[in-house]
Amino acid sequence: MIGLLIATILFNTIAFKTNKRLTKNQILHIWTFTICAQMTFDVMIEFKYWGYWYFDKNPNWGGLMAHIVLVPPVNMMFLNWYPFKGDRIKRFSYILFWVVAILLYEVIALLPEPWGYFNYGWWRLWHAAILDPILLVIVVTYYKWVSRLEKELK
């Protein structure tokens, strides 16, 4: 639990203190989208097939905290610094950097309690390595869509 608390406080502090790009509306959209996408995926992989879980295999308050306040600020940071005007190589490199950082964090989260809180069933790090870039591209696409809708309202 200690690792989860430290990461949650750190990620949220960095995300909100360094934000220069995202409007409050966009933050709300990204936060809600992230929670919905993660919960939808985890209902199947975590709760139905026990691919991985937070703390233990049953739904728990600590796992709920990981679902609600851990990943959304990471997506905020990712989008805040994303090189939208960069060439494809720069954008690809940026996504690759974030995938490596996320995988390293996942390895830390796998440490025994009290530092770690994440556990593998059949899920392995290579599953995340394949899925994470796809998820990051989806977050960028969603952000662009929300930004376009905001411009249409003005």
C-alpha atoms as a PDB file:
ATOM      1  CA  MET A   1       0.000   0.000   0.000  1.00  0.00           C
ATOM      2  CA  ILE A   2       2.924   2.337   0.653  1.00  0.00           C
ATOM      3  CA  GLY A   3       4.018   2.161  -2.995  1.00  0.00           C
ATOM      4  CA  LEU A   4       0.500   2.894  -4.230  1.00  0.00           C
ATOM      5  CA  LEU A   5       0.110   5.885  -1.914  1.00  0.00           C
ATOM      6  CA  ILE A   6       3.499   7.335  -2.856  1.00  0.00           C
ATOM      7  CA  ALA A   7       2.854   6.849  -6.585  1.00  0.00           C
ATOM      8  CA  THR A   8      -0.651   8.335  -6.367  1.00  0.00           C
ATOM      9  CA  ILE A   9       0.532  11.453  -4.544  1.00  0.00           C
ATOM     10  CA  LEU A  10       3.586  11.834  -6.791  1.00  0.00           C
ATOM     11  CA  PHE A  11       1.752  11.308 -10.099  1.00  0.00           C
ATOM     12  CA  ASN A  12      -1.124  13.616  -9.183  1.00  0.00           C
ATOM     13  CA  THR A  13       1.198  16.348  -7.906  1.00  0.00           C
ATOM     14  CA  ILE A  14       3.344  16.250 -11.047  1.00  0.00           C
ATOM     15  CA  ALA A  15       0.328  16.054 -13.362  1.00  0.00           C
ATOM     16  CA  PHE A  16      -1.432  19.072 -11.909  1.00  0.00           C
ATOM     17  CA  LYS A  17       1.660  21.186 -11.164  1.00  0.00           C
ATOM     18  CA  THR A  18       3.184  20.777 -14.631  1.00  0.00           C
ATOM     19  CA  ASN A  19       0.010  20.967 -16.717  1.00  0.00           C
ATOM     20  CA  LYS A  20       0.291  23.713 -19.322  1.00  0.00           C
ATOM     21  CA  ARG A  21      -1.811  22.284 -22.123  1.00  0.00           C
ATOM     22  CA  LEU A  22      -4.950  20.606 -20.793  1.00  0.00           C
ATOM     23  CA  THR A  23      -8.052  22.619 -19.996  1.00  0.00           C
ATOM     24  CA  LYS A  24     -10.227  21.677 -17.041  1.00  0.00           C
ATOM     25  CA  ASN A  25     -12.738  20.212 -19.480  1.00  0.00           C
ATOM     26  CA  GLN A  26     -10.049  18.115 -21.148  1.00  0.00           C
ATOM     27  CA  ILE A  27      -8.758  16.939 -17.765  1.00  0.00           C
ATOM     28  CA  LEU A  28     -12.271  15.850 -16.831  1.00  0.00           C
ATOM     29  CA  HIS A  29     -12.661  14.027 -20.147  1.00  0.00           C
ATOM     30  CA  ILE A  30      -9.294  12.285 -19.937  1.00  0.00           C
ATOM     31  CA  TRP A  31      -9.838  11.362 -16.292  1.00  0.00           C
ATOM     32  CA  THR A  32     -13.301   9.906 -16.972  1.00  0.00           C
ATOM     33  CA  PHE A  33     -12.216   8.169 -20.173  1.00  0.00           C
ATOM     34  CA  THR A  34      -9.230   6.606 -18.419  1.00  0.00           C
ATOM     35  CA  ILE A  35     -11.282   5.289 -15.522  1.00  0.00           C
ATOM     36  CA  CYS A  36     -13.972   3.891 -17.838  1.00  0.00           C
ATOM     37  CA  ALA A  37     -11.473   2.232 -20.180  1.00  0.00           C
ATOM     38  CA  GLN A  38      -9.443   0.754 -17.339  1.00  0.00           C
ATOM     39  CA  MET A  39     -12.482  -0.504 -15.454  1.00  0.00           C
ATOM     40  CA  THR A  40     -13.992  -2.037 -18.598  1.00  0.00           C
ATOM     41  CA  PHE A  41     -10.759  -3.858 -19.423  1.00  0.00           C
ATOM     42  CA  ASP A  42     -10.142  -4.911 -15.832  1.00  0.00           C
ATOM     43  CA  VAL A  43     -13.635  -6.331 -15.345  1.00  0.00           C
ATOM     44  CA  MET A  44     -12.663  -9.012 -17.834  1.00  0.00           C
ATOM     45  CA  ILE A  45      -8.915  -9.455 -17.405  1.00  0.00           C
ATOM     46  CA  GLU A  46      -8.727  -8.891 -13.658  1.00  0.00           C
ATOM     47  CA  PHE A  47     -12.038 -10.094 -12.264  1.00  0.00           C
ATOM     48  CA  LYS A  48     -13.194 -12.722 -14.768  1.00  0.00           C
ATOM     49  CA  TYR A  49      -9.921 -14.288 -15.963  1.00  0.00           C
ATOM     50  CA  TRP A  50      -7.585 -13.321 -13.082  1.00  0.00           C
ATOM     51  CA  GLY A  51      -4.873 -12.140 -15.446  1.00  0.00           C
ATOM     52  CA  TYR A  52      -3.647  -9.756 -12.763  1.00  0.00           C
ATOM     53  CA  TRP A  53      -5.034  -8.070  -9.674  1.00  0.00           C
ATOM     54  CA  TYR A  54      -4.347  -5.349  -7.154  1.00  0.00           C
ATOM     55  CA  PHE A  55      -3.489  -6.612  -3.645  1.00  0.00           C
ATOM     56  CA  ASP A  56      -5.617  -9.764  -3.840  1.00  0.00           C
ATOM     57  CA  LYS A  57      -7.971 -11.467  -6.279  1.00  0.00           C
ATOM     58  CA  ASN A  58     -11.135  -9.973  -4.804  1.00  0.00           C
ATOM     59  CA  PRO A  59     -12.364  -6.423  -5.408  1.00  0.00           C
ATOM     60  CA  ASN A  60     -10.945  -4.222  -2.650  1.00  0.00           C
ATOM     61  CA  TRP A  61     -10.604  -0.566  -1.652  1.00  0.00           C
ATOM     62  CA  GLY A  62      -6.896  -0.425  -2.483  1.00  0.00           C
ATOM     63  CA  GLY A  63      -7.576  -1.767  -5.964  1.00  0.00           C
ATOM     64  CA  LEU A  64     -10.322   0.801  -6.405  1.00  0.00           C
ATOM     65  CA  MET A  65      -7.816   3.516  -5.551  1.00  0.00           C
ATOM     66  CA  ALA A  66      -5.454   2.163  -8.221  1.00  0.00           C
ATOM     67  CA  HIS A  67      -8.288   2.264 -10.754  1.00  0.00           C
ATOM     68  CA  ILE A  68      -9.509   5.775  -9.955  1.00  0.00           C
ATOM     69  CA  VAL A  69      -6.548   7.973  -8.984  1.00  0.00           C
ATOM     70  CA  LEU A  70      -3.363   6.298 -10.254  1.00  0.00           C
ATOM     71  CA  VAL A  71      -3.590   6.032 -14.048  1.00  0.00           C
ATOM     72  CA  PRO A  72      -5.531   9.218 -14.989  1.00  0.00           C
ATOM     73  CA  PRO A  73      -2.744  11.607 -13.881  1.00  0.00           C
ATOM     74  CA  VAL A  74      -0.252   9.517 -15.873  1.00  0.00           C
ATOM     75  CA  ASN A  75      -2.373  10.085 -18.969  1.00  0.00           C
ATOM     76  CA  MET A  76      -2.501  13.788 -18.117  1.00  0.00           C
ATOM     77  CA  MET A  77       1.310  13.951 -17.991  1.00  0.00           C
ATOM     78  CA  PHE A  78       1.599  11.928 -21.180  1.00  0.00           C
ATOM     79  CA  LEU A  79      -0.706  14.308 -23.059  1.00  0.00           C
ATOM     80  CA  ASN A  80       0.688  17.463 -21.510  1.00  0.00           C
ATOM     81  CA  TRP A  81       4.160  16.751 -22.889  1.00  0.00           C
ATOM     82  CA  TYR A  82       3.138  14.907 -26.069  1.00  0.00           C
ATOM     83  CA  PRO A  83       4.895  16.382 -29.155  1.00  0.00           C
ATOM     84  CA  PHE A  84       1.780  17.001 -31.267  1.00  0.00           C
ATOM     85  CA  LYS A  85       3.755  19.157 -33.710  1.00  0.00           C
ATOM     86  CA  GLY A  86       6.724  16.793 -33.831  1.00  0.00           C
ATOM     87  CA  ASP A  87       7.451  14.496 -36.751  1.00  0.00           C
ATOM     88  CA  ARG A  88       6.540  10.812 -36.684  1.00  0.00           C
ATOM     89  CA  ILE A  89       9.928   9.779 -35.330  1.00  0.00           C
ATOM     90  CA  LYS A  90       9.636  12.189 -32.407  1.00  0.00           C
ATOM     91  CA  ARG A  91       6.075  11.047 -31.617  1.00  0.00           C
ATOM     92  CA  PHE A  92       7.065   7.370 -31.937  1.00  0.00           C
ATOM     93  CA  SER A  93      10.110   7.921 -29.707  1.00  0.00           C
ATOM     94  CA  TYR A  94       7.955   9.711 -27.143  1.00  0.00           C
ATOM     95  CA  ILE A  95       5.469   6.831 -27.017  1.00  0.00           C
ATOM     96  CA  LEU A  96       8.333   4.322 -26.796  1.00  0.00           C
ATOM     97  CA  PHE A  97       9.839   6.285 -23.877  1.00  0.00           C
ATOM     98  CA  TRP A  98       6.495   6.204 -22.048  1.00  0.00           C
ATOM     99  CA  VAL A  99       6.007   2.490 -22.689  1.00  0.00           C
ATOM    100  CA  VAL A 100       9.428   1.766 -21.172  1.00  0.00           C
ATOM    101  CA  ALA A 101       8.638   4.025 -18.188  1.00  0.00           C
ATOM    102  CA  ILE A 102       5.255   2.332 -17.654  1.00  0.00           C
ATOM    103  CA  LEU A 103       6.827  -1.122 -17.859  1.00  0.00           C
ATOM    104  CA  LEU A 104       9.490  -0.143 -15.333  1.00  0.00           C
ATOM    105  CA  TYR A 105       6.797   1.158 -13.028  1.00  0.00           C
ATOM    106  CA  GLU A 106       4.848  -2.088 -13.442  1.00  0.00           C
ATOM    107  CA  VAL A 107       7.948  -4.042 -12.379  1.00  0.00           C
ATOM    108  CA  ILE A 108       8.186  -1.851  -9.250  1.00  0.00           C
ATOM    109  CA  ALA A 109       4.475  -2.359  -8.545  1.00  0.00           C
ATOM    110  CA  LEU A 110       5.123  -6.126  -8.610  1.00  0.00           C
ATOM    111  CA  LEU A 111       7.413  -5.871  -5.578  1.00  0.00           C
ATOM    112  CA  PRO A 112       6.106  -7.535  -2.415  1.00  0.00           C
ATOM    113  CA  GLU A 113       3.917  -5.493  -0.097  1.00  0.00           C
ATOM    114  CA  PRO A 114       4.109  -2.911   1.406  1.00  0.00           C
ATOM    115  CA  TRP A 115       5.899  -1.365  -1.619  1.00  0.00           C
ATOM    116  CA  GLY A 116       4.173  -3.319  -4.342  1.00  0.00           C
ATOM    117  CA  TYR A 117       0.473  -3.858  -4.862  1.00  0.00           C
ATOM    118  CA  PHE A 118       0.182  -5.481  -8.277  1.00  0.00           C
ATOM    119  CA  ASN A 119       0.141  -9.252  -8.838  1.00  0.00           C
ATOM    120  CA  TYR A 120       0.302 -11.394 -11.957  1.00  0.00           C
ATOM    121  CA  GLY A 121      -1.910 -14.340 -12.736  1.00  0.00           C
ATOM    122  CA  TRP A 122      -1.285 -15.392 -16.329  1.00  0.00           C
ATOM    123  CA  TRP A 123      -0.544 -11.799 -17.387  1.00  0.00           C
ATOM    124  CA  ARG A 124       3.113 -11.054 -18.143  1.00  0.00           C
ATOM    125  CA  LEU A 125       5.141  -7.933 -18.808  1.00  0.00           C
ATOM    126  CA  TRP A 126       5.197  -8.627 -22.534  1.00  0.00           C
ATOM    127  CA  HIS A 127       1.379  -8.380 -22.616  1.00  0.00           C
ATOM    128  CA  ALA A 128       1.689  -4.830 -21.292  1.00  0.00           C
ATOM    129  CA  ALA A 129       4.550  -4.095 -23.719  1.00  0.00           C
ATOM    130  CA  ILE A 130       2.246  -4.944 -26.623  1.00  0.00           C
ATOM    131  CA  LEU A 131      -0.880  -3.278 -25.246  1.00  0.00           C
ATOM    132  CA  ASP A 132       0.548  -0.048 -23.778  1.00  0.00           C
ATOM    133  CA  PRO A 133       1.489   1.655 -27.081  1.00  0.00           C
ATOM    134  CA  ILE A 134      -1.982   0.924 -28.424  1.00  0.00           C
ATOM    135  CA  LEU A 135      -3.577   2.403 -25.313  1.00  0.00           C
ATOM    136  CA  LEU A 136      -1.391   5.519 -25.515  1.00  0.00           C
ATOM    137  CA  VAL A 137      -2.368   6.067 -29.159  1.00  0.00           C
ATOM    138  CA  ILE A 138      -6.030   5.689 -28.158  1.00  0.00           C
ATOM    139  CA  VAL A 139      -5.550   8.338 -25.442  1.00  0.00           C
ATOM    140  CA  VAL A 140      -3.991  10.734 -27.988  1.00  0.00           C
ATOM    141  CA  THR A 141      -6.818  10.071 -30.451  1.00  0.00           C
ATOM    142  CA  TYR A 142      -9.432  10.661 -27.763  1.00  0.00           C
ATOM    143  CA  TYR A 143      -7.726  13.900 -26.688  1.00  0.00           C
ATOM    144  CA  LYS A 144      -7.673  15.161 -30.312  1.00  0.00           C
ATOM    145  CA  TRP A 145     -11.358  14.342 -30.644  1.00  0.00           C
ATOM    146  CA  VAL A 146     -12.266  16.207 -27.440  1.00  0.00           C
ATOM    147  CA  SER A 147     -10.130  19.169 -28.568  1.00  0.00           C
ATOM    148  CA  ARG A 148     -11.881  19.234 -31.922  1.00  0.00           C
ATOM    149  CA  LEU A 149     -15.298  19.143 -30.245  1.00  0.00           C
ATOM    150  CA  GLU A 150     -14.266  22.043 -27.992  1.00  0.00           C
ATOM    151  CA  LYS A 151     -13.290  24.109 -31.036  1.00  0.00           C
ATOM    152  CA  GLU A 152     -16.661  23.386 -32.660  1.00  0.00           C
ATOM    153  CA  LEU A 153     -18.429  24.767 -29.575  1.00  0.00           C
ATOM    154  CA  LYS A 154     -16.599  28.089 -29.770  1.00  0.00           C
END
